[in-house]
Amino acid sequence: MKPTPPNVKKKPGRPKTSEPSVVKATILQTASALFMQYGYDSVSMEQISADSGVTKASVYYYFPNKAELFTAAVIRMMKNIAGITQSILAAPGSMRERLTAVAEAHMRTPHVDFESLMREAASSLTAAQTAAIREAEHSVHVVLAEAFRLEIEAGAIRSGDPLLYAYAFSAIMMLGGRSAGDASSAPLFSPVAPSDVVDLFWCGVGRMV
């Protein structure tokens, strides 16, 4: 067998495990949690490897660079969020109660603002990667919009654009999540409860006369 020539980097081999899908899923789950907690620039492939409990070679086997890992991790995260949101909204209870449960799930752990995260990663992502992430993000809003549409048809909430309601609710949830702060910055304002977020969305800020 010929020796590997000097200064020639070998391509990472397949991870030594009988369940490579588990390794890949672990990497993606760890990466999404780290990116959402610390942002794009502050997270390295080495940190993801260490926190995942897998070798750096395994990380690079599945994802040749951080941009590809970020894209795959965020898309997977958005699909998970869409699934969880759909399950919560399909459960018994009033729309207000179900939205509160959605907010509780979303605000359970502090996270960076998603738009800030995307701006930070923008220069590293291709147009196709950005589009894929935005499409996955949109799928979450589609789930919310469908629930709002059903409530509008049932006469439970006032008529309006369900997708607008979905984006408005998501924006308020994001602000509520930011009130908890993160590891690198101070809170924007005092922490709020998920029920406060839903109350603001549900009632608005104007006085009814």
Protein backbone atom coordinates (compact mmCIF):
# COMPACT_ATOMS: atom_id res chain seq x y z
CA MET A 1 0.00 0.00 0.00
CA LYS A 2 1.39 3.40 -0.99
CA PRO A 3 2.00 5.82 1.88
CA THR A 4 0.02 9.04 1.96
CA PRO A 5 2.11 11.80 0.35
CA PRO A 6 3.21 14.56 2.74
CA ASN A 7 1.05 17.70 3.00
CA VAL A 8 -1.92 15.94 1.39
CA LYS A 9 -4.99 16.11 3.62
CA LYS A 10 -6.92 12.85 3.75
CA LYS A 11 -10.68 13.02 3.38
CA PRO A 12 -12.41 12.17 6.68
CA GLY A 13 -13.58 8.55 6.66
CA ARG A 14 -16.98 7.25 7.69
CA PRO A 15 -17.43 7.38 11.49
CA LYS A 16 -16.73 4.05 13.18
CA THR A 17 -20.26 3.31 14.37
CA SER A 18 -23.02 0.94 13.41
CA GLU A 19 -25.54 3.80 13.50
CA PRO A 20 -24.18 6.73 11.47
CA SER A 21 -27.66 8.31 11.37
CA VAL A 22 -27.53 8.67 15.16
CA VAL A 23 -24.15 10.39 14.96
CA LYS A 24 -25.41 12.80 12.32
CA ALA A 25 -28.58 13.57 14.30
CA THR A 26 -26.51 14.21 17.44
CA ILE A 27 -24.24 16.61 15.58
CA LEU A 28 -27.21 18.52 14.15
CA GLN A 29 -29.01 18.73 17.49
CA THR A 30 -25.88 19.95 19.27
CA ALA A 31 -25.06 22.44 16.54
CA SER A 32 -28.54 23.99 16.48
CA ALA A 33 -28.50 24.41 20.28
CA LEU A 34 -25.07 26.05 20.22
CA PHE A 35 -25.87 28.36 17.31
CA MET A 36 -29.13 29.47 18.93
CA GLN A 37 -27.43 30.10 22.26
CA TYR A 38 -24.19 31.75 21.17
CA GLY A 39 -24.68 32.89 17.56
CA TYR A 40 -22.86 31.90 14.40
CA ASP A 41 -19.40 33.42 14.76
CA SER A 42 -18.82 32.28 18.34
CA VAL A 43 -19.40 28.58 17.61
CA SER A 44 -16.63 26.50 16.07
CA MET A 45 -16.64 23.06 14.48
CA GLU A 46 -14.32 21.97 17.30
CA GLN A 47 -16.84 23.06 19.93
CA ILE A 48 -19.64 21.22 18.14
CA SER A 49 -17.46 18.12 17.98
CA ALA A 50 -16.64 18.29 21.70
CA ASP A 51 -20.22 18.95 22.82
CA SER A 52 -21.54 16.20 20.52
CA GLY A 53 -19.11 13.66 21.93
CA VAL A 54 -17.88 12.71 18.46
CA THR A 55 -14.56 13.20 16.72
CA LYS A 56 -13.88 16.29 14.62
CA ALA A 57 -13.35 13.93 11.67
CA SER A 58 -16.92 12.68 12.09
CA VAL A 59 -18.28 16.22 11.99
CA TYR A 60 -16.33 16.98 8.81
CA TYR A 61 -17.37 13.67 7.26
CA TYR A 62 -21.00 14.80 7.24
CA PHE A 63 -20.46 18.56 6.95
CA PRO A 64 -17.36 19.85 5.13
CA ASN A 65 -17.71 23.37 6.54
CA LYS A 66 -19.57 25.37 9.16
CA ALA A 67 -21.96 26.99 6.69
CA GLU A 68 -23.26 23.62 5.55
CA LEU A 69 -23.62 22.41 9.12
CA PHE A 70 -25.39 25.62 10.12
CA THR A 71 -27.82 25.30 7.21
CA ALA A 72 -28.63 21.66 7.94
CA ALA A 73 -28.94 22.27 11.69
CA VAL A 74 -31.28 25.24 11.36
CA ILE A 75 -33.47 23.49 8.77
CA ARG A 76 -33.75 20.46 11.05
CA MET A 77 -34.55 22.71 14.00
CA MET A 78 -37.29 24.53 12.06
CA LYS A 79 -38.86 21.24 10.98
CA ASN A 80 -38.87 20.09 14.60
CA ILE A 81 -40.42 23.37 15.72
CA ALA A 82 -43.11 23.06 13.05
CA GLY A 83 -43.92 19.53 14.21
CA ILE A 84 -44.08 20.47 17.88
CA THR A 85 -46.18 23.56 17.11
CA GLN A 86 -48.61 21.52 15.04
CA SER A 87 -48.98 18.95 17.84
CA ILE A 88 -49.65 21.65 20.43
CA LEU A 89 -52.18 23.47 18.26
CA ALA A 90 -54.01 20.19 17.55
CA ALA A 91 -54.46 19.51 21.27
CA PRO A 92 -57.70 20.28 23.18
CA GLY A 93 -58.23 23.72 24.66
CA SER A 94 -59.00 27.24 23.57
CA MET A 95 -56.80 28.95 21.00
CA ARG A 96 -55.49 31.25 23.70
CA GLU A 97 -54.49 28.28 25.86
CA ARG A 98 -52.82 26.53 22.95
CA LEU A 99 -50.91 29.65 21.93
CA THR A 100 -49.69 29.94 25.52
CA ALA A 101 -48.42 26.36 25.31
CA VAL A 102 -46.64 27.21 22.04
CA ALA A 103 -45.02 30.25 23.69
CA GLU A 104 -43.96 28.16 26.70
CA ALA A 105 -42.26 25.65 24.42
CA HIS A 106 -40.56 28.43 22.44
CA MET A 107 -39.38 30.40 25.47
CA ARG A 108 -38.24 27.44 27.56
CA THR A 109 -34.57 28.24 26.98
CA PRO A 110 -32.92 31.61 26.28
CA HIS A 111 -31.80 32.12 22.68
CA VAL A 112 -30.41 34.75 20.38
CA ASP A 113 -32.68 36.68 18.06
CA PHE A 114 -33.06 34.59 14.91
CA GLU A 115 -32.80 37.58 12.56
CA SER A 116 -29.59 38.64 14.28
CA LEU A 117 -28.29 35.10 13.88
CA MET A 118 -29.09 35.12 10.17
CA ARG A 119 -27.40 38.49 9.66
CA GLU A 120 -24.31 37.19 11.43
CA ALA A 121 -24.18 34.10 9.20
CA ALA A 122 -25.17 35.89 5.98
CA SER A 123 -21.67 36.41 4.58
CA SER A 124 -20.86 32.72 4.99
CA LEU A 125 -24.02 31.37 3.37
CA THR A 126 -24.80 30.91 -0.31
CA ALA A 127 -28.05 32.26 -1.73
CA ALA A 128 -29.34 28.69 -1.98
CA GLN A 129 -28.54 27.99 1.68
CA THR A 130 -30.27 31.16 2.82
CA ALA A 131 -33.33 30.36 0.71
CA ALA A 132 -33.51 26.83 2.15
CA ILE A 133 -33.38 28.16 5.70
CA ARG A 134 -36.06 30.76 4.99
CA GLU A 135 -38.28 28.10 3.44
CA ALA A 136 -37.95 25.95 6.55
CA GLU A 137 -38.69 28.97 8.75
CA HIS A 138 -41.77 29.71 6.66
CA SER A 139 -43.08 26.20 7.32
CA VAL A 140 -43.47 27.12 11.00
CA HIS A 141 -45.54 30.16 10.08
CA VAL A 142 -47.67 28.06 7.75
CA VAL A 143 -48.58 25.78 10.68
CA LEU A 144 -49.55 28.79 12.80
CA ALA A 145 -51.44 30.38 9.93
CA GLU A 146 -53.55 27.26 9.39
CA ALA A 147 -54.56 27.28 13.05
CA PHE A 148 -55.50 30.96 12.83
CA ARG A 149 -57.46 30.30 9.64
CA LEU A 150 -59.57 27.66 11.37
CA GLU A 151 -60.25 30.01 14.27
CA ILE A 152 -61.29 32.78 11.87
CA GLU A 153 -63.67 30.43 10.05
CA ALA A 154 -65.14 29.34 13.38
CA GLY A 155 -65.73 32.98 14.33
CA ALA A 156 -63.49 32.66 17.38
CA ILE A 157 -61.16 35.50 16.34
CA ARG A 158 -61.65 38.51 14.12
CA SER A 159 -61.19 38.19 10.38
CA GLY A 160 -57.74 38.94 8.98
CA ASP A 161 -54.77 37.49 7.15
CA PRO A 162 -53.83 34.25 8.97
CA LEU A 163 -50.22 34.46 7.77
CA LEU A 164 -49.92 38.01 9.08
CA TYR A 165 -51.21 36.78 12.44
CA ALA A 166 -48.62 33.98 12.35
CA TYR A 167 -45.70 36.33 11.70
CA ALA A 168 -46.94 38.81 14.30
CA PHE A 169 -47.23 36.12 16.95
CA SER A 170 -43.76 34.77 16.12
CA ALA A 171 -42.27 38.27 16.38
CA ILE A 172 -43.79 38.82 19.81
CA MET A 173 -42.57 35.40 20.97
CA MET A 174 -39.07 36.24 19.80
CA LEU A 175 -39.10 39.45 21.83
CA GLY A 176 -40.34 37.53 24.84
CA GLY A 177 -37.52 35.05 24.44
CA ARG A 178 -34.94 37.83 24.21
CA SER A 179 -36.14 39.27 27.53
CA ALA A 180 -34.45 36.31 29.21
CA GLY A 181 -31.12 37.36 27.69
CA ASP A 182 -28.30 35.01 26.71
CA ALA A 183 -24.87 34.07 27.88
CA SER A 184 -23.17 37.05 26.25
CA SER A 185 -25.52 39.98 26.75
CA ALA A 186 -27.81 41.61 29.27
CA PRO A 187 -31.60 41.25 28.98
CA LEU A 188 -33.43 43.86 26.93
CA PHE A 189 -36.04 44.20 29.65
CA SER A 190 -37.45 42.30 32.61
CA PRO A 191 -38.26 38.63 31.92
CA VAL A 192 -41.84 38.02 30.82
CA ALA A 193 -44.07 34.97 31.12
CA PRO A 194 -45.40 33.14 28.05
CA SER A 195 -48.91 34.13 29.12
CA ASP A 196 -47.87 37.81 28.98
CA VAL A 197 -46.66 37.31 25.40
CA VAL A 198 -49.98 35.75 24.40
CA ASP A 199 -51.95 38.47 26.21
CA LEU A 200 -50.11 41.16 24.27
CA PHE A 201 -50.81 39.40 20.97
CA TRP A 202 -54.39 38.52 21.85
CA CYS A 203 -55.50 41.89 23.20
CA GLY A 204 -53.16 44.29 21.49
CA VAL A 205 -52.11 47.53 23.14
CA GLY A 206 -55.00 49.80 22.21
CA ARG A 207 -57.90 50.57 24.50
CA MET A 208 -61.25 49.26 23.38
CA VAL A 209 -63.89 52.03 23.39
